[in-house]
Amino acid sequence: MRKLPDFRAVGRAGVGVDNIDLQEATRRGVLVMSTPGGNAVSVRRTPLLRCSSLSPARFPNSTAALREGRWEKSSSGTEVRGKTLGLIGLGRIGSEVASRAEAFDMRVLAYDPYISESAAKELQVDLRSAR
């Protein structure tokens, strides 16, 4: 904030503002905003892309070969359909991942001590305990 004297607002993509100096922002009249869940849809892509990279098409390898001018038609790889995806936490991001995993025909197991059995069923998730 010292380097930007005309600074007027901070937008935090995520939960909480504990990484922002609120006292300094208040002293300078800087508006601080938080967007909890604002990036949940974007963040869910990483685990799903990782699942895709295991599929028969092996997207990362196929993409690299295409960039090198080679067409490698291959059926090697692991099919994700019918596999089990385990999630720890069914908050905003976990719920997004669970709901999209259905498109891959995956079974989803999850642990979350704060979610109800009915909410897990709505997501078609098999809720597990921390045995």
N, C-alpha and C. Protein backbone atom coordinates (compact mmCIF):
# COMPACT_ATOMS: atom_id res chain seq x y z
N MET A 1 0.82 -1.19 0.00
CA MET A 1 0.00 0.00 0.00
C MET A 1 0.86 1.25 0.00
N ARG A 2 2.06 1.14 0.59
CA ARG A 2 2.95 2.30 0.62
C ARG A 2 3.39 2.70 -0.79
N LYS A 3 3.54 1.72 -1.67
CA LYS A 3 4.03 2.00 -3.02
C LYS A 3 2.93 2.47 -3.96
N LEU A 4 1.68 2.39 -3.52
CA LEU A 4 0.55 2.81 -4.35
C LEU A 4 -0.30 3.81 -3.56
N PRO A 5 0.09 5.05 -3.55
CA PRO A 5 -0.62 6.04 -2.72
C PRO A 5 -2.07 6.28 -3.15
N ASP A 6 -2.41 6.01 -4.40
CA ASP A 6 -3.79 6.22 -4.87
C ASP A 6 -4.62 4.95 -4.81
N PHE A 7 -4.09 3.95 -4.19
CA PHE A 7 -4.74 2.65 -4.05
C PHE A 7 -6.07 2.84 -3.32
N ARG A 8 -7.17 2.26 -3.86
CA ARG A 8 -8.49 2.49 -3.25
C ARG A 8 -9.21 1.22 -2.82
N ALA A 9 -8.83 0.05 -3.36
CA ALA A 9 -9.56 -1.16 -3.01
C ALA A 9 -8.68 -2.40 -3.14
N VAL A 10 -9.00 -3.40 -2.31
CA VAL A 10 -8.36 -4.71 -2.36
C VAL A 10 -9.47 -5.73 -2.53
N GLY A 11 -9.36 -6.56 -3.56
CA GLY A 11 -10.31 -7.64 -3.75
C GLY A 11 -9.61 -8.95 -3.47
N ARG A 12 -10.09 -9.71 -2.51
CA ARG A 12 -9.48 -10.98 -2.12
C ARG A 12 -10.28 -12.12 -2.73
N ALA A 13 -9.66 -12.88 -3.63
CA ALA A 13 -10.32 -14.04 -4.22
C ALA A 13 -10.09 -15.22 -3.29
N GLY A 14 -11.07 -15.55 -2.52
CA GLY A 14 -10.95 -16.65 -1.56
C GLY A 14 -11.64 -16.29 -0.27
N VAL A 15 -11.40 -17.10 0.73
CA VAL A 15 -12.06 -16.92 2.01
C VAL A 15 -11.15 -16.14 2.96
N GLY A 16 -11.71 -15.17 3.63
CA GLY A 16 -10.98 -14.44 4.65
C GLY A 16 -10.10 -13.32 4.12
N VAL A 17 -9.71 -12.46 5.04
CA VAL A 17 -8.84 -11.34 4.70
C VAL A 17 -7.67 -11.26 5.67
N ASP A 18 -7.31 -12.42 6.26
CA ASP A 18 -6.25 -12.45 7.26
C ASP A 18 -4.87 -12.14 6.68
N ASN A 19 -4.73 -12.13 5.37
CA ASN A 19 -3.45 -11.79 4.75
C ASN A 19 -3.40 -10.34 4.27
N ILE A 20 -4.36 -9.55 4.72
CA ILE A 20 -4.42 -8.13 4.37
C ILE A 20 -4.33 -7.31 5.65
N ASP A 21 -3.50 -6.30 5.64
CA ASP A 21 -3.35 -5.43 6.81
C ASP A 21 -4.57 -4.51 6.89
N LEU A 22 -5.58 -4.98 7.63
CA LEU A 22 -6.85 -4.24 7.71
C LEU A 22 -6.70 -2.90 8.41
N GLN A 23 -5.85 -2.83 9.43
CA GLN A 23 -5.64 -1.55 10.12
C GLN A 23 -5.06 -0.50 9.17
N GLU A 24 -4.08 -0.92 8.38
CA GLU A 24 -3.47 0.01 7.42
C GLU A 24 -4.46 0.39 6.34
N ALA A 25 -5.23 -0.58 5.87
CA ALA A 25 -6.23 -0.29 4.84
C ALA A 25 -7.26 0.70 5.37
N THR A 26 -7.71 0.50 6.59
CA THR A 26 -8.68 1.42 7.20
C THR A 26 -8.09 2.81 7.35
N ARG A 27 -6.84 2.87 7.81
CA ARG A 27 -6.17 4.16 7.99
C ARG A 27 -6.07 4.92 6.68
N ARG A 28 -5.85 4.21 5.58
CA ARG A 28 -5.70 4.83 4.27
C ARG A 28 -7.02 4.98 3.52
N GLY A 29 -8.11 4.47 4.09
CA GLY A 29 -9.41 4.56 3.41
C GLY A 29 -9.54 3.59 2.25
N VAL A 30 -8.81 2.48 2.33
CA VAL A 30 -8.85 1.48 1.26
C VAL A 30 -9.96 0.47 1.56
N LEU A 31 -10.83 0.27 0.59
CA LEU A 31 -11.92 -0.69 0.70
C LEU A 31 -11.36 -2.10 0.57
N VAL A 32 -11.72 -3.01 1.49
CA VAL A 32 -11.27 -4.40 1.45
C VAL A 32 -12.49 -5.28 1.22
N MET A 33 -12.41 -6.12 0.18
CA MET A 33 -13.53 -7.00 -0.17
C MET A 33 -13.03 -8.44 -0.24
N SER A 34 -13.90 -9.35 0.16
CA SER A 34 -13.60 -10.77 0.07
C SER A 34 -14.66 -11.42 -0.81
N THR A 35 -14.26 -12.40 -1.61
CA THR A 35 -15.20 -13.10 -2.48
C THR A 35 -15.15 -14.59 -2.18
N PRO A 36 -15.64 -15.01 -1.01
CA PRO A 36 -15.57 -16.44 -0.68
C PRO A 36 -16.32 -17.27 -1.72
N GLY A 37 -15.65 -18.28 -2.19
CA GLY A 37 -16.27 -19.15 -3.20
C GLY A 37 -16.14 -18.63 -4.61
N GLY A 38 -15.62 -17.45 -4.78
CA GLY A 38 -15.52 -16.86 -6.11
C GLY A 38 -14.62 -17.64 -7.05
N ASN A 39 -13.65 -18.35 -6.49
CA ASN A 39 -12.73 -19.12 -7.34
C ASN A 39 -12.99 -20.62 -7.27
N ALA A 40 -14.04 -21.05 -6.61
CA ALA A 40 -14.31 -22.49 -6.44
C ALA A 40 -14.47 -23.19 -7.78
N VAL A 41 -15.14 -22.56 -8.71
CA VAL A 41 -15.36 -23.20 -10.02
C VAL A 41 -14.03 -23.35 -10.75
N SER A 42 -13.18 -22.34 -10.68
CA SER A 42 -11.87 -22.42 -11.34
C SER A 42 -10.96 -23.44 -10.68
N VAL A 43 -10.94 -23.46 -9.36
CA VAL A 43 -10.05 -24.35 -8.62
C VAL A 43 -10.41 -25.82 -8.82
N ARG A 44 -11.70 -26.11 -9.01
CA ARG A 44 -12.11 -27.50 -9.18
C ARG A 44 -11.53 -28.13 -10.44
N ARG A 45 -11.04 -27.32 -11.35
CA ARG A 45 -10.51 -27.85 -12.60
C ARG A 45 -9.27 -28.71 -12.40
N THR A 46 -8.42 -28.37 -11.44
CA THR A 46 -7.16 -29.09 -11.26
C THR A 46 -7.36 -30.58 -11.00
N PRO A 47 -8.14 -30.99 -10.00
CA PRO A 47 -8.29 -32.43 -9.81
C PRO A 47 -8.99 -33.12 -10.98
N LEU A 48 -9.92 -32.42 -11.61
CA LEU A 48 -10.61 -33.04 -12.75
C LEU A 48 -9.69 -33.15 -13.97
N LEU A 49 -8.83 -32.18 -14.17
CA LEU A 49 -7.86 -32.28 -15.26
C LEU A 49 -6.87 -33.41 -15.00
N ARG A 50 -6.51 -33.59 -13.75
CA ARG A 50 -5.62 -34.69 -13.41
C ARG A 50 -6.29 -36.04 -13.70
N CYS A 51 -7.58 -36.12 -13.40
CA CYS A 51 -8.33 -37.34 -13.74
C CYS A 51 -8.34 -37.54 -15.25
N SER A 52 -8.54 -36.48 -16.00
CA SER A 52 -8.56 -36.56 -17.46
C SER A 52 -7.22 -37.03 -18.01
N SER A 53 -6.14 -36.62 -17.36
CA SER A 53 -4.82 -36.99 -17.87
C SER A 53 -4.55 -38.49 -17.72
N LEU A 54 -5.37 -39.19 -16.93
CA LEU A 54 -5.22 -40.64 -16.77
C LEU A 54 -6.03 -41.42 -17.79
N SER A 55 -6.89 -40.74 -18.51
CA SER A 55 -7.81 -41.42 -19.42
C SER A 55 -7.06 -42.03 -20.60
N PRO A 56 -7.73 -42.89 -21.38
CA PRO A 56 -7.05 -43.54 -22.51
C PRO A 56 -6.38 -42.58 -23.48
N ALA A 57 -6.93 -41.40 -23.65
CA ALA A 57 -6.34 -40.46 -24.60
C ALA A 57 -5.04 -39.85 -24.07
N ARG A 58 -4.82 -39.93 -22.76
CA ARG A 58 -3.62 -39.38 -22.13
C ARG A 58 -3.34 -37.99 -22.68
N PHE A 59 -4.21 -37.05 -22.38
CA PHE A 59 -4.19 -35.72 -22.98
C PHE A 59 -2.84 -35.01 -22.93
N PRO A 60 -2.12 -34.99 -21.81
CA PRO A 60 -0.84 -34.28 -21.84
C PRO A 60 0.13 -34.87 -22.86
N ASN A 61 0.23 -36.20 -22.93
CA ASN A 61 1.15 -36.82 -23.89
C ASN A 61 0.69 -36.60 -25.32
N SER A 62 -0.61 -36.74 -25.55
CA SER A 62 -1.16 -36.54 -26.90
C SER A 62 -0.94 -35.11 -27.37
N THR A 63 -1.15 -34.16 -26.48
CA THR A 63 -0.96 -32.75 -26.83
C THR A 63 0.49 -32.48 -27.18
N ALA A 64 1.41 -33.01 -26.38
CA ALA A 64 2.84 -32.80 -26.66
C ALA A 64 3.22 -33.40 -28.01
N ALA A 65 2.70 -34.59 -28.31
CA ALA A 65 3.01 -35.23 -29.60
C ALA A 65 2.46 -34.40 -30.75
N LEU A 66 1.25 -33.90 -30.61
CA LEU A 66 0.66 -33.07 -31.68
C LEU A 66 1.48 -31.81 -31.91
N ARG A 67 1.96 -31.21 -30.86
CA ARG A 67 2.78 -30.00 -31.00
C ARG A 67 4.08 -30.28 -31.72
N GLU A 68 4.53 -31.53 -31.60
CA GLU A 68 5.75 -31.94 -32.30
C GLU A 68 5.44 -32.47 -33.70
N GLY A 69 4.17 -32.40 -34.11
CA GLY A 69 3.79 -32.81 -35.45
C GLY A 69 3.51 -34.30 -35.59
N ARG A 70 3.33 -35.01 -34.47
CA ARG A 70 3.07 -36.44 -34.53
C ARG A 70 1.64 -36.74 -34.10
N TRP A 71 1.02 -37.69 -34.78
CA TRP A 71 -0.31 -38.17 -34.39
C TRP A 71 -0.13 -39.56 -33.84
N GLU A 72 -0.23 -39.69 -32.53
CA GLU A 72 -0.03 -40.98 -31.88
C GLU A 72 -1.37 -41.47 -31.36
N LYS A 73 -2.01 -42.28 -32.18
CA LYS A 73 -3.29 -42.85 -31.77
C LYS A 73 -3.00 -44.00 -30.81
N SER A 74 -3.40 -43.83 -29.58
CA SER A 74 -3.08 -44.83 -28.57
C SER A 74 -4.28 -45.06 -27.68
N SER A 75 -4.42 -46.26 -27.22
CA SER A 75 -5.49 -46.56 -26.27
C SER A 75 -4.92 -46.92 -24.91
N SER A 76 -3.62 -46.64 -24.72
CA SER A 76 -3.05 -46.94 -23.42
C SER A 76 -3.44 -45.85 -22.44
N GLY A 77 -3.42 -46.17 -21.21
CA GLY A 77 -3.82 -45.23 -20.17
C GLY A 77 -4.84 -45.90 -19.27
N THR A 78 -5.36 -45.17 -18.35
CA THR A 78 -6.31 -45.70 -17.39
C THR A 78 -7.66 -45.03 -17.60
N GLU A 79 -8.68 -45.80 -17.70
CA GLU A 79 -10.04 -45.26 -17.83
C GLU A 79 -10.50 -44.79 -16.45
N VAL A 80 -10.97 -43.55 -16.35
CA VAL A 80 -11.43 -43.05 -15.05
C VAL A 80 -12.87 -43.46 -14.76
N ARG A 81 -13.62 -43.80 -15.79
CA ARG A 81 -15.00 -44.24 -15.58
C ARG A 81 -14.99 -45.46 -14.67
N GLY A 82 -15.82 -45.40 -13.65
CA GLY A 82 -15.93 -46.51 -12.71
C GLY A 82 -14.90 -46.47 -11.59
N LYS A 83 -13.96 -45.54 -11.66
CA LYS A 83 -12.96 -45.42 -10.60
C LYS A 83 -13.56 -44.65 -9.42
N THR A 84 -12.87 -44.71 -8.30
CA THR A 84 -13.32 -44.02 -7.09
C THR A 84 -12.46 -42.80 -6.85
N LEU A 85 -13.12 -41.68 -6.62
CA LEU A 85 -12.45 -40.42 -6.31
C LEU A 85 -12.67 -40.14 -4.83
N GLY A 86 -11.61 -39.91 -4.09
CA GLY A 86 -11.73 -39.59 -2.67
C GLY A 86 -11.51 -38.11 -2.43
N LEU A 87 -12.39 -37.52 -1.66
CA LEU A 87 -12.28 -36.09 -1.35
C LEU A 87 -12.23 -35.90 0.16
N ILE A 88 -11.41 -34.99 0.60
CA ILE A 88 -11.41 -34.59 2.00
C ILE A 88 -11.98 -33.19 2.02
N GLY A 89 -13.20 -33.10 2.49
CA GLY A 89 -13.90 -31.82 2.55
C GLY A 89 -14.87 -31.66 1.40
N LEU A 90 -16.08 -31.28 1.75
CA LEU A 90 -17.11 -31.01 0.75
C LEU A 90 -17.61 -29.58 0.88
N GLY A 91 -16.66 -28.67 1.06
CA GLY A 91 -17.02 -27.26 1.06
C GLY A 91 -17.32 -26.83 -0.36
N ARG A 92 -17.09 -25.56 -0.65
CA ARG A 92 -17.41 -25.06 -1.99
C ARG A 92 -16.63 -25.79 -3.08
N ILE A 93 -15.33 -25.94 -2.89
CA ILE A 93 -14.52 -26.57 -3.93
C ILE A 93 -14.78 -28.07 -3.99
N GLY A 94 -14.79 -28.75 -2.85
CA GLY A 94 -15.04 -30.18 -2.82
C GLY A 94 -16.38 -30.53 -3.44
N SER A 95 -17.39 -29.73 -3.16
CA SER A 95 -18.71 -29.96 -3.74
C SER A 95 -18.70 -29.78 -5.25
N GLU A 96 -17.97 -28.78 -5.72
CA GLU A 96 -17.84 -28.56 -7.17
C GLU A 96 -17.17 -29.75 -7.84
N VAL A 97 -16.10 -30.26 -7.22
CA VAL A 97 -15.40 -31.40 -7.78
C VAL A 97 -16.31 -32.63 -7.79
N ALA A 98 -17.00 -32.86 -6.67
CA ALA A 98 -17.88 -34.03 -6.56
C ALA A 98 -18.98 -34.00 -7.62
N SER A 99 -19.59 -32.85 -7.82
CA SER A 99 -20.69 -32.78 -8.78
C SER A 99 -20.20 -32.97 -10.21
N ARG A 100 -18.98 -32.52 -10.51
CA ARG A 100 -18.45 -32.69 -11.86
C ARG A 100 -17.90 -34.09 -12.09
N ALA A 101 -17.48 -34.77 -11.03
CA ALA A 101 -16.96 -36.13 -11.16
C ALA A 101 -18.05 -37.08 -11.68
N GLU A 102 -19.28 -36.71 -11.45
CA GLU A 102 -20.40 -37.51 -11.95
C GLU A 102 -20.34 -37.61 -13.49
N ALA A 103 -19.90 -36.55 -14.15
CA ALA A 103 -19.79 -36.56 -15.61
C ALA A 103 -18.75 -37.57 -16.08
N PHE A 104 -17.79 -37.90 -15.22
CA PHE A 104 -16.78 -38.90 -15.53
C PHE A 104 -17.25 -40.30 -15.15
N ASP A 105 -18.47 -40.42 -14.66
CA ASP A 105 -19.01 -41.69 -14.16
C ASP A 105 -18.12 -42.28 -13.07
N MET A 106 -17.67 -41.40 -12.18
CA MET A 106 -16.83 -41.83 -11.07
C MET A 106 -17.65 -41.99 -9.80
N ARG A 107 -17.22 -42.88 -8.95
CA ARG A 107 -17.80 -43.03 -7.62
C ARG A 107 -17.04 -42.06 -6.72
N VAL A 108 -17.76 -41.31 -5.89
CA VAL A 108 -17.11 -40.32 -5.04
C VAL A 108 -17.31 -40.67 -3.57
N LEU A 109 -16.20 -40.80 -2.87
CA LEU A 109 -16.20 -40.97 -1.42
C LEU A 109 -15.67 -39.67 -0.84
N ALA A 110 -16.20 -39.28 0.30
CA ALA A 110 -15.71 -38.04 0.90
C ALA A 110 -15.77 -38.12 2.42
N TYR A 111 -14.86 -37.39 3.03
CA TYR A 111 -14.86 -37.20 4.47
C TYR A 111 -15.05 -35.72 4.74
N ASP A 112 -16.04 -35.40 5.52
CA ASP A 112 -16.26 -34.03 5.96
C ASP A 112 -17.10 -34.09 7.22
N PRO A 113 -16.52 -33.77 8.37
CA PRO A 113 -17.28 -33.88 9.62
C PRO A 113 -18.39 -32.85 9.77
N TYR A 114 -18.46 -31.88 8.86
CA TYR A 114 -19.44 -30.80 8.99
C TYR A 114 -20.62 -30.91 8.04
N ILE A 115 -20.61 -31.88 7.14
CA ILE A 115 -21.69 -31.99 6.16
C ILE A 115 -22.66 -33.08 6.59
N SER A 116 -23.92 -32.86 6.34
CA SER A 116 -24.94 -33.84 6.71
C SER A 116 -24.99 -34.97 5.69
N GLU A 117 -25.52 -36.10 6.12
CA GLU A 117 -25.69 -37.25 5.23
C GLU A 117 -26.61 -36.88 4.07
N SER A 118 -27.65 -36.09 4.34
CA SER A 118 -28.59 -35.72 3.27
C SER A 118 -27.92 -34.80 2.24
N ALA A 119 -27.05 -33.90 2.68
CA ALA A 119 -26.34 -33.03 1.74
C ALA A 119 -25.38 -33.84 0.89
N ALA A 120 -24.73 -34.85 1.48
CA ALA A 120 -23.83 -35.71 0.72
C ALA A 120 -24.61 -36.53 -0.30
N LYS A 121 -25.78 -37.01 0.09
CA LYS A 121 -26.61 -37.78 -0.84
C LYS A 121 -27.03 -36.93 -2.02
N GLU A 122 -27.34 -35.67 -1.75
CA GLU A 122 -27.73 -34.75 -2.82
C GLU A 122 -26.62 -34.60 -3.85
N LEU A 123 -25.37 -34.66 -3.39
CA LEU A 123 -24.21 -34.59 -4.27
C LEU A 123 -23.85 -35.96 -4.84
N GLN A 124 -24.58 -36.98 -4.46
CA GLN A 124 -24.31 -38.36 -4.86
C GLN A 124 -22.92 -38.80 -4.40
N VAL A 125 -22.63 -38.46 -3.14
CA VAL A 125 -21.34 -38.77 -2.53
C VAL A 125 -21.56 -39.75 -1.39
N ASP A 126 -20.67 -40.72 -1.30
CA ASP A 126 -20.69 -41.68 -0.20
C ASP A 126 -19.86 -41.08 0.93
N LEU A 127 -20.53 -40.60 1.96
CA LEU A 127 -19.86 -39.93 3.07
C LEU A 127 -19.22 -40.96 3.99
N ARG A 128 -17.98 -40.74 4.34
CA ARG A 128 -17.22 -41.64 5.21
C ARG A 128 -16.84 -40.97 6.50
N SER A 129 -16.60 -41.77 7.51
CA SER A 129 -16.17 -41.23 8.80
C SER A 129 -14.66 -41.40 8.93
N ALA A 130 -14.11 -40.77 9.94
CA ALA A 130 -12.65 -40.82 10.16
C ALA A 130 -12.32 -41.98 11.10
N ARG A 131 -12.64 -43.17 10.70
CA ARG A 131 -12.38 -44.34 11.55
C ARG A 131 -10.94 -44.52 11.86
